Amino acid sequence: MSFRIGATVLLDCNRRALQSYSFQTKRILGCIKNVLSFLNDYEIDEIHLIIPLKGRSVDTSKILIGLKDVSISTPLSVGGGINTENLIEITKDPYFERLIFNSAIFDDNEVIKQATLKMGHQAIMASIPFILQENKIKIYHSKMNKFIDVSDKFWKKLNLMCNEIILLDADAEGGKEGFNFKVFQFVNFPIERVLISGGLTKLDIHKAKVMKLAGISLDNVTLHSEFSIKGLR
């Protein structure tokens, strides 16, 4: 499979695209339809659109379903608030290429099982924001809104449930300091099914290619600077 160059876009509950810095500060970019159209013209391989709930209980189904009105040719993957109740509407037609899960990988495996039956295992992704502290990895749990320790059991379960994961370096997100590749000392997941994101430099992208990762997902601050996608291929 060829190396993919994607982009991550965050979306608030008012359908506005956001920039994020170090997994904390948010800056409004504008109407999501305009941002998606721009990215479509940017000739990236795929878009990863996520609604960051961070502990809030919000029905995002209308927001996600409303995205189907946007006419783009770039494959679009979505995540944020997908549950067993809204899954039917979200997957009613094949508009979305993949579904991205976070809190469900910890405590609501049923929605992932149902999504797999509807769309196939190849369409299931996990968003894995991480930080490295005291020589160990902590993974972000959206429903709890905090980074937590995980065991080997977590990685085994993740391997079975999800076809691919997006490893997001939360400390590097939105910056230009580079992705922390030390994380691979702690990740027990097939490397060819991993995409990385967060503060990526051109050297990072080259290293990801050499490692034969599945691809990368550019965060907003890199994507909206003067950055040539063609120059990365």
C-alpha atoms as a PDB file:
ATOM      1  CA  MET A   1       0.000   0.000   0.000  1.00  0.00           C
ATOM      2  CA  SER A   2       1.316   3.452  -0.902  1.00  0.00           C
ATOM      3  CA  PHE A   3       2.271   6.034   1.699  1.00  0.00           C
ATOM      4  CA  ARG A   4      -0.683   8.366   2.344  1.00  0.00           C
ATOM      5  CA  ILE A   5      -0.575  12.075   3.118  1.00  0.00           C
ATOM      6  CA  GLY A   6      -3.676  13.170   4.984  1.00  0.00           C
ATOM      7  CA  ALA A   7      -4.819  16.140   7.027  1.00  0.00           C
ATOM      8  CA  THR A   8      -6.536  16.347  10.396  1.00  0.00           C
ATOM      9  CA  VAL A   9      -9.285  18.929  10.838  1.00  0.00           C
ATOM     10  CA  LEU A  10     -11.007  19.623  14.145  1.00  0.00           C
ATOM     11  CA  LEU A  11     -14.638  20.680  14.162  1.00  0.00           C
ATOM     12  CA  ASP A  12     -16.624  22.349  16.926  1.00  0.00           C
ATOM     13  CA  CYS A  13     -20.340  21.888  17.569  1.00  0.00           C
ATOM     14  CA  ASN A  14     -21.110  25.051  15.573  1.00  0.00           C
ATOM     15  CA  ARG A  15     -19.583  23.518  12.434  1.00  0.00           C
ATOM     16  CA  ARG A  16     -16.488  25.690  12.586  1.00  0.00           C
ATOM     17  CA  ALA A  17     -13.053  24.301  11.794  1.00  0.00           C
ATOM     18  CA  LEU A  18     -10.441  24.717  14.532  1.00  0.00           C
ATOM     19  CA  GLN A  19      -6.692  24.860  14.924  1.00  0.00           C
ATOM     20  CA  SER A  20      -5.240  23.242  18.039  1.00  0.00           C
ATOM     21  CA  TYR A  21      -1.926  23.833  19.798  1.00  0.00           C
ATOM     22  CA  SER A  22      -0.394  21.317  22.225  1.00  0.00           C
ATOM     23  CA  PHE A  23      -3.827  19.697  22.595  1.00  0.00           C
ATOM     24  CA  GLN A  24      -5.157  22.748  24.465  1.00  0.00           C
ATOM     25  CA  THR A  25      -5.503  26.139  22.770  1.00  0.00           C
ATOM     26  CA  LYS A  26      -8.058  26.416  19.990  1.00  0.00           C
ATOM     27  CA  ARG A  27      -8.250  28.948  17.173  1.00  0.00           C
ATOM     28  CA  ILE A  28     -11.279  29.199  14.905  1.00  0.00           C
ATOM     29  CA  LEU A  29     -10.474  28.810  11.208  1.00  0.00           C
ATOM     30  CA  GLY A  30     -13.953  29.354   9.827  1.00  0.00           C
ATOM     31  CA  CYS A  31     -16.746  27.490   8.089  1.00  0.00           C
ATOM     32  CA  ILE A  32     -15.996  23.784   7.800  1.00  0.00           C
ATOM     33  CA  LYS A  33     -17.385  23.608   4.253  1.00  0.00           C
ATOM     34  CA  ASN A  34     -14.854  26.186   3.079  1.00  0.00           C
ATOM     35  CA  VAL A  35     -12.004  24.364   4.828  1.00  0.00           C
ATOM     36  CA  LEU A  36     -12.979  20.996   3.332  1.00  0.00           C
ATOM     37  CA  SER A  37     -13.232  22.528  -0.143  1.00  0.00           C
ATOM     38  CA  PHE A  38      -9.783  24.072   0.290  1.00  0.00           C
ATOM     39  CA  LEU A  39      -8.308  20.748   1.383  1.00  0.00           C
ATOM     40  CA  ASN A  40      -9.983  19.010  -1.530  1.00  0.00           C
ATOM     41  CA  ASP A  41      -8.161  21.375  -3.902  1.00  0.00           C
ATOM     42  CA  TYR A  42      -4.931  20.839  -1.954  1.00  0.00           C
ATOM     43  CA  GLU A  43      -4.644  17.306  -3.409  1.00  0.00           C
ATOM     44  CA  ILE A  44      -4.149  15.434  -0.177  1.00  0.00           C
ATOM     45  CA  ASP A  45      -5.018  11.735  -0.011  1.00  0.00           C
ATOM     46  CA  GLU A  46      -7.587  11.851   2.782  1.00  0.00           C
ATOM     47  CA  ILE A  47      -9.126  14.061   5.452  1.00  0.00           C
ATOM     48  CA  HIS A  48      -9.510  13.042   9.107  1.00  0.00           C
ATOM     49  CA  LEU A  49     -12.265  15.170  10.610  1.00  0.00           C
ATOM     50  CA  ILE A  50     -12.732  14.919  14.374  1.00  0.00           C
ATOM     51  CA  ILE A  51     -15.099  16.622  16.818  1.00  0.00           C
ATOM     52  CA  PRO A  52     -13.061  16.917  20.069  1.00  0.00           C
ATOM     53  CA  LEU A  53     -15.666  16.416  22.807  1.00  0.00           C
ATOM     54  CA  LYS A  54     -13.149  16.219  25.678  1.00  0.00           C
ATOM     55  CA  GLY A  55     -15.464  14.934  28.382  1.00  0.00           C
ATOM     56  CA  ARG A  56     -18.650  16.596  27.133  1.00  0.00           C
ATOM     57  CA  SER A  57     -21.778  14.620  26.313  1.00  0.00           C
ATOM     58  CA  VAL A  58     -22.908  16.115  23.020  1.00  0.00           C
ATOM     59  CA  ASP A  59     -25.023  14.634  20.236  1.00  0.00           C
ATOM     60  CA  THR A  60     -22.822  15.162  17.190  1.00  0.00           C
ATOM     61  CA  SER A  61     -24.884  13.087  14.767  1.00  0.00           C
ATOM     62  CA  LYS A  62     -26.564  16.065  13.050  1.00  0.00           C
ATOM     63  CA  ILE A  63     -23.180  17.730  12.591  1.00  0.00           C
ATOM     64  CA  LEU A  64     -21.607  14.632  11.085  1.00  0.00           C
ATOM     65  CA  ILE A  65     -24.583  13.826   8.890  1.00  0.00           C
ATOM     66  CA  GLY A  66     -24.662  17.463   7.732  1.00  0.00           C
ATOM     67  CA  LEU A  67     -21.173  17.032   6.298  1.00  0.00           C
ATOM     68  CA  LYS A  68     -22.657  14.886   3.558  1.00  0.00           C
ATOM     69  CA  ASP A  69     -23.807  18.104   1.874  1.00  0.00           C
ATOM     70  CA  VAL A  70     -20.185  19.020   1.128  1.00  0.00           C
ATOM     71  CA  SER A  71     -19.190  18.034  -2.390  1.00  0.00           C
ATOM     72  CA  ILE A  72     -15.580  16.835  -2.319  1.00  0.00           C
ATOM     73  CA  SER A  73     -13.721  13.979  -3.992  1.00  0.00           C
ATOM     74  CA  THR A  74     -11.134  13.517  -1.227  1.00  0.00           C
ATOM     75  CA  PRO A  75     -11.947  10.520   1.024  1.00  0.00           C
ATOM     76  CA  LEU A  76     -13.346  11.786   4.330  1.00  0.00           C
ATOM     77  CA  SER A  77     -13.070   9.965   7.659  1.00  0.00           C
ATOM     78  CA  VAL A  78     -15.009  11.229  10.676  1.00  0.00           C
ATOM     79  CA  GLY A  79     -14.965  10.784  14.431  1.00  0.00           C
ATOM     80  CA  GLY A  80     -16.378  12.277  17.611  1.00  0.00           C
ATOM     81  CA  GLY A  81     -19.506  11.172  19.425  1.00  0.00           C
ATOM     82  CA  ILE A  82     -20.293   8.184  17.204  1.00  0.00           C
ATOM     83  CA  ASN A  83     -22.462   5.743  19.174  1.00  0.00           C
ATOM     84  CA  THR A  84     -24.890   2.887  18.610  1.00  0.00           C
ATOM     85  CA  GLU A  85     -27.811   5.324  18.330  1.00  0.00           C
ATOM     86  CA  ASN A  86     -26.476   7.560  15.563  1.00  0.00           C
ATOM     87  CA  LEU A  87     -24.387   4.969  13.730  1.00  0.00           C
ATOM     88  CA  ILE A  88     -27.274   3.951  11.457  1.00  0.00           C
ATOM     89  CA  GLU A  89     -27.738   7.488  10.118  1.00  0.00           C
ATOM     90  CA  ILE A  90     -24.017   8.155   9.784  1.00  0.00           C
ATOM     91  CA  THR A  91     -23.439   4.949   7.798  1.00  0.00           C
ATOM     92  CA  LYS A  92     -26.697   4.961   5.824  1.00  0.00           C
ATOM     93  CA  ASP A  93     -24.857   5.727   2.593  1.00  0.00           C
ATOM     94  CA  PRO A  94     -21.170   5.276   1.715  1.00  0.00           C
ATOM     95  CA  TYR A  95     -20.186   8.959   1.997  1.00  0.00           C
ATOM     96  CA  PHE A  96     -17.601   8.500   4.747  1.00  0.00           C
ATOM     97  CA  GLU A  97     -14.534   6.416   3.946  1.00  0.00           C
ATOM     98  CA  ARG A  98     -13.708   5.504   7.542  1.00  0.00           C
ATOM     99  CA  LEU A  99     -14.920   6.032  11.109  1.00  0.00           C
ATOM    100  CA  ILE A 100     -12.528   7.219  13.814  1.00  0.00           C
ATOM    101  CA  PHE A 101     -13.011   6.207  17.456  1.00  0.00           C
ATOM    102  CA  ASN A 102     -11.416   7.138  20.756  1.00  0.00           C
ATOM    103  CA  SER A 103     -13.470   6.642  23.928  1.00  0.00           C
ATOM    104  CA  ALA A 104     -15.230   3.654  22.335  1.00  0.00           C
ATOM    105  CA  ILE A 105     -11.969   1.724  22.230  1.00  0.00           C
ATOM    106  CA  PHE A 106     -11.881   1.894  26.018  1.00  0.00           C
ATOM    107  CA  ASP A 107     -15.434   1.231  27.122  1.00  0.00           C
ATOM    108  CA  ASP A 108     -18.004   0.984  24.309  1.00  0.00           C
ATOM    109  CA  ASN A 109     -16.805  -1.761  22.020  1.00  0.00           C
ATOM    110  CA  GLU A 110     -20.366  -2.480  20.865  1.00  0.00           C
ATOM    111  CA  VAL A 111     -20.470   0.550  18.571  1.00  0.00           C
ATOM    112  CA  ILE A 112     -17.188  -0.551  16.978  1.00  0.00           C
ATOM    113  CA  LYS A 113     -18.556  -4.051  16.456  1.00  0.00           C
ATOM    114  CA  GLN A 114     -21.663  -2.658  14.775  1.00  0.00           C
ATOM    115  CA  ALA A 115     -19.612  -0.248  12.659  1.00  0.00           C
ATOM    116  CA  THR A 116     -17.413  -3.129  11.531  1.00  0.00           C
ATOM    117  CA  LEU A 117     -20.447  -5.123  10.443  1.00  0.00           C
ATOM    118  CA  LYS A 118     -21.759  -2.166   8.439  1.00  0.00           C
ATOM    119  CA  MET A 119     -18.532  -0.851   6.879  1.00  0.00           C
ATOM    120  CA  GLY A 120     -15.930  -3.610   7.261  1.00  0.00           C
ATOM    121  CA  HIS A 121     -12.812  -3.845   9.419  1.00  0.00           C
ATOM    122  CA  GLN A 122     -10.790  -1.790   6.924  1.00  0.00           C
ATOM    123  CA  ALA A 123     -12.973   1.251   7.717  1.00  0.00           C
ATOM    124  CA  ILE A 124     -12.272   1.321  11.467  1.00  0.00           C
ATOM    125  CA  MET A 125      -9.637   3.714  12.794  1.00  0.00           C
ATOM    126  CA  ALA A 126      -8.628   4.831  16.275  1.00  0.00           C
ATOM    127  CA  SER A 127      -7.433   8.283  17.271  1.00  0.00           C
ATOM    128  CA  ILE A 128      -4.598   7.809  19.778  1.00  0.00           C
ATOM    129  CA  PRO A 129      -3.365  11.125  21.219  1.00  0.00           C
ATOM    130  CA  PHE A 130      -0.391  10.429  23.486  1.00  0.00           C
ATOM    131  CA  ILE A 131       2.146  12.010  25.779  1.00  0.00           C
ATOM    132  CA  LEU A 132       5.389  10.511  27.071  1.00  0.00           C
ATOM    133  CA  GLN A 133       6.052  10.936  30.791  1.00  0.00           C
ATOM    134  CA  GLU A 134       8.728   9.328  32.948  1.00  0.00           C
ATOM    135  CA  ASN A 135       9.675   6.918  30.191  1.00  0.00           C
ATOM    136  CA  LYS A 136       6.175   5.583  29.623  1.00  0.00           C
ATOM    137  CA  ILE A 137       3.250   6.343  27.371  1.00  0.00           C
ATOM    138  CA  LYS A 138      -0.096   7.824  28.400  1.00  0.00           C
ATOM    139  CA  ILE A 139      -3.081   7.675  26.038  1.00  0.00           C
ATOM    140  CA  TYR A 140      -5.880  10.227  25.913  1.00  0.00           C
ATOM    141  CA  HIS A 141      -9.353   9.007  26.914  1.00  0.00           C
ATOM    142  CA  SER A 142     -11.890  11.462  25.451  1.00  0.00           C
ATOM    143  CA  LYS A 143     -14.795  10.631  27.749  1.00  0.00           C
ATOM    144  CA  MET A 144     -12.612  10.987  30.855  1.00  0.00           C
ATOM    145  CA  ASN A 145     -10.820  13.989  29.311  1.00  0.00           C
ATOM    146  CA  LYS A 146      -7.408  12.921  30.548  1.00  0.00           C
ATOM    147  CA  PHE A 147      -4.336  10.912  29.610  1.00  0.00           C
ATOM    148  CA  ILE A 148      -4.226   7.489  31.223  1.00  0.00           C
ATOM    149  CA  ASP A 149      -1.844   4.543  31.557  1.00  0.00           C
ATOM    150  CA  VAL A 150      -2.564   1.538  29.355  1.00  0.00           C
ATOM    151  CA  SER A 151      -1.510  -2.100  29.553  1.00  0.00           C
ATOM    152  CA  ASP A 152      -0.509  -4.677  26.958  1.00  0.00           C
ATOM    153  CA  LYS A 153      -4.144  -5.775  26.977  1.00  0.00           C
ATOM    154  CA  PHE A 154      -5.106  -2.382  25.549  1.00  0.00           C
ATOM    155  CA  TRP A 155      -2.840  -2.832  22.526  1.00  0.00           C
ATOM    156  CA  LYS A 156      -4.016  -6.391  21.891  1.00  0.00           C
ATOM    157  CA  LYS A 157      -7.636  -5.245  21.996  1.00  0.00           C
ATOM    158  CA  LEU A 158      -6.867  -2.278  19.753  1.00  0.00           C
ATOM    159  CA  ASN A 159      -5.167  -4.559  17.231  1.00  0.00           C
ATOM    160  CA  LEU A 160      -8.295  -6.693  16.955  1.00  0.00           C
ATOM    161  CA  MET A 161     -10.809  -3.836  16.806  1.00  0.00           C
ATOM    162  CA  CYS A 162      -9.123  -1.307  14.521  1.00  0.00           C
ATOM    163  CA  ASN A 163      -7.511  -1.606  11.137  1.00  0.00           C
ATOM    164  CA  GLU A 164      -5.410   1.535  11.581  1.00  0.00           C
ATOM    165  CA  ILE A 165      -4.516   4.077  14.235  1.00  0.00           C
ATOM    166  CA  ILE A 166      -3.540   7.743  14.126  1.00  0.00           C
ATOM    167  CA  LEU A 167      -0.834   8.415  16.708  1.00  0.00           C
ATOM    168  CA  LEU A 168      -1.074  12.092  17.668  1.00  0.00           C
ATOM    169  CA  ASP A 169       1.836  13.624  19.552  1.00  0.00           C
ATOM    170  CA  ALA A 170      -0.244  15.872  21.828  1.00  0.00           C
ATOM    171  CA  ASP A 171       2.740  17.908  23.038  1.00  0.00           C
ATOM    172  CA  ALA A 172       3.881  18.640  19.485  1.00  0.00           C
ATOM    173  CA  GLU A 173       0.441  19.334  18.020  1.00  0.00           C
ATOM    174  CA  GLY A 174       0.262  22.629  16.144  1.00  0.00           C
ATOM    175  CA  GLY A 175       3.986  23.311  16.426  1.00  0.00           C
ATOM    176  CA  LYS A 176       7.048  22.797  14.265  1.00  0.00           C
ATOM    177  CA  GLU A 177       9.318  21.025  16.733  1.00  0.00           C
ATOM    178  CA  GLY A 178       8.825  17.584  15.264  1.00  0.00           C
ATOM    179  CA  PHE A 179       7.084  14.316  16.126  1.00  0.00           C
ATOM    180  CA  ASN A 180       8.473  12.254  19.030  1.00  0.00           C
ATOM    181  CA  PHE A 181       9.390   8.929  17.433  1.00  0.00           C
ATOM    182  CA  LYS A 182      10.358   7.496  20.829  1.00  0.00           C
ATOM    183  CA  VAL A 183       6.686   6.597  21.142  1.00  0.00           C
ATOM    184  CA  PHE A 184       7.326   3.511  19.012  1.00  0.00           C
ATOM    185  CA  GLN A 185       9.196   1.992  21.945  1.00  0.00           C
ATOM    186  CA  PHE A 186       5.828   1.706  23.691  1.00  0.00           C
ATOM    187  CA  VAL A 187       3.391   1.056  20.835  1.00  0.00           C
ATOM    188  CA  ASN A 188       2.458  -2.576  20.249  1.00  0.00           C
ATOM    189  CA  PHE A 189       0.647  -2.248  16.940  1.00  0.00           C
ATOM    190  CA  PRO A 190       1.666  -3.233  13.380  1.00  0.00           C
ATOM    191  CA  ILE A 191       3.765  -0.371  12.072  1.00  0.00           C
ATOM    192  CA  GLU A 192       2.353  -0.622   8.554  1.00  0.00           C
ATOM    193  CA  ARG A 193      -1.079   0.222   9.987  1.00  0.00           C
ATOM    194  CA  VAL A 194       0.025   3.385  11.816  1.00  0.00           C
ATOM    195  CA  LEU A 195      -0.341   7.009  10.724  1.00  0.00           C
ATOM    196  CA  ILE A 196       1.374   9.750  12.724  1.00  0.00           C
ATOM    197  CA  SER A 197       0.358  13.340  13.405  1.00  0.00           C
ATOM    198  CA  GLY A 198       1.475  16.314  15.472  1.00  0.00           C
ATOM    199  CA  GLY A 199       4.134  18.904  14.656  1.00  0.00           C
ATOM    200  CA  LEU A 200       5.429  16.991  11.658  1.00  0.00           C
ATOM    201  CA  THR A 201       8.477  18.313   9.816  1.00  0.00           C
ATOM    202  CA  LYS A 202       9.657  17.287   6.368  1.00  0.00           C
ATOM    203  CA  LEU A 203      12.352  15.179   8.032  1.00  0.00           C
ATOM    204  CA  ASP A 204       9.670  13.452  10.106  1.00  0.00           C
ATOM    205  CA  ILE A 205       7.677  12.653   6.986  1.00  0.00           C
ATOM    206  CA  HIS A 206      10.750  11.227   5.290  1.00  0.00           C
ATOM    207  CA  LYS A 207      11.452   9.082   8.365  1.00  0.00           C
ATOM    208  CA  ALA A 208       7.852   7.851   8.381  1.00  0.00           C
ATOM    209  CA  LYS A 209       8.283   6.740   4.760  1.00  0.00           C
ATOM    210  CA  VAL A 210      11.529   4.933   5.561  1.00  0.00           C
ATOM    211  CA  MET A 211       9.824   3.177   8.480  1.00  0.00           C
ATOM    212  CA  LYS A 212       7.082   2.113   6.049  1.00  0.00           C
ATOM    213  CA  LEU A 213       4.277   3.607   8.120  1.00  0.00           C
ATOM    214  CA  ALA A 214       0.817   3.771   6.537  1.00  0.00           C
ATOM    215  CA  GLY A 215       1.108   7.540   6.275  1.00  0.00           C
ATOM    216  CA  ILE A 216       0.849  10.858   8.072  1.00  0.00           C
ATOM    217  CA  SER A 217      -1.895  13.331   8.954  1.00  0.00           C
ATOM    218  CA  LEU A 218      -0.807  16.960   8.867  1.00  0.00           C
ATOM    219  CA  ASP A 219      -2.161  19.101  11.660  1.00  0.00           C
ATOM    220  CA  ASN A 220      -3.702  22.444  10.835  1.00  0.00           C
ATOM    221  CA  VAL A 221      -0.840  24.770  11.597  1.00  0.00           C
ATOM    222  CA  THR A 222       1.439  22.918   9.178  1.00  0.00           C
ATOM    223  CA  LEU A 223      -1.224  22.509   6.547  1.00  0.00           C
ATOM    224  CA  HIS A 224      -2.167  26.171   6.424  1.00  0.00           C
ATOM    225  CA  SER A 225       1.367  27.500   6.247  1.00  0.00           C
ATOM    226  CA  GLU A 226       3.131  27.679   2.881  1.00  0.00           C
ATOM    227  CA  PHE A 227       3.541  23.969   2.568  1.00  0.00           C
ATOM    228  CA  SER A 228       3.742  21.983  -0.652  1.00  0.00           C
ATOM    229  CA  ILE A 229       1.970  18.632  -0.644  1.00  0.00           C
ATOM    230  CA  LYS A 230       3.586  17.716  -3.943  1.00  0.00           C
ATOM    231  CA  GLY A 231       6.980  18.364  -2.387  1.00  0.00           C
ATOM    232  CA  LEU A 232       6.304  15.669   0.200  1.00  0.00           C
ATOM    233  CA  ARG A 233       5.628  12.857  -2.234  1.00  0.00           C
END
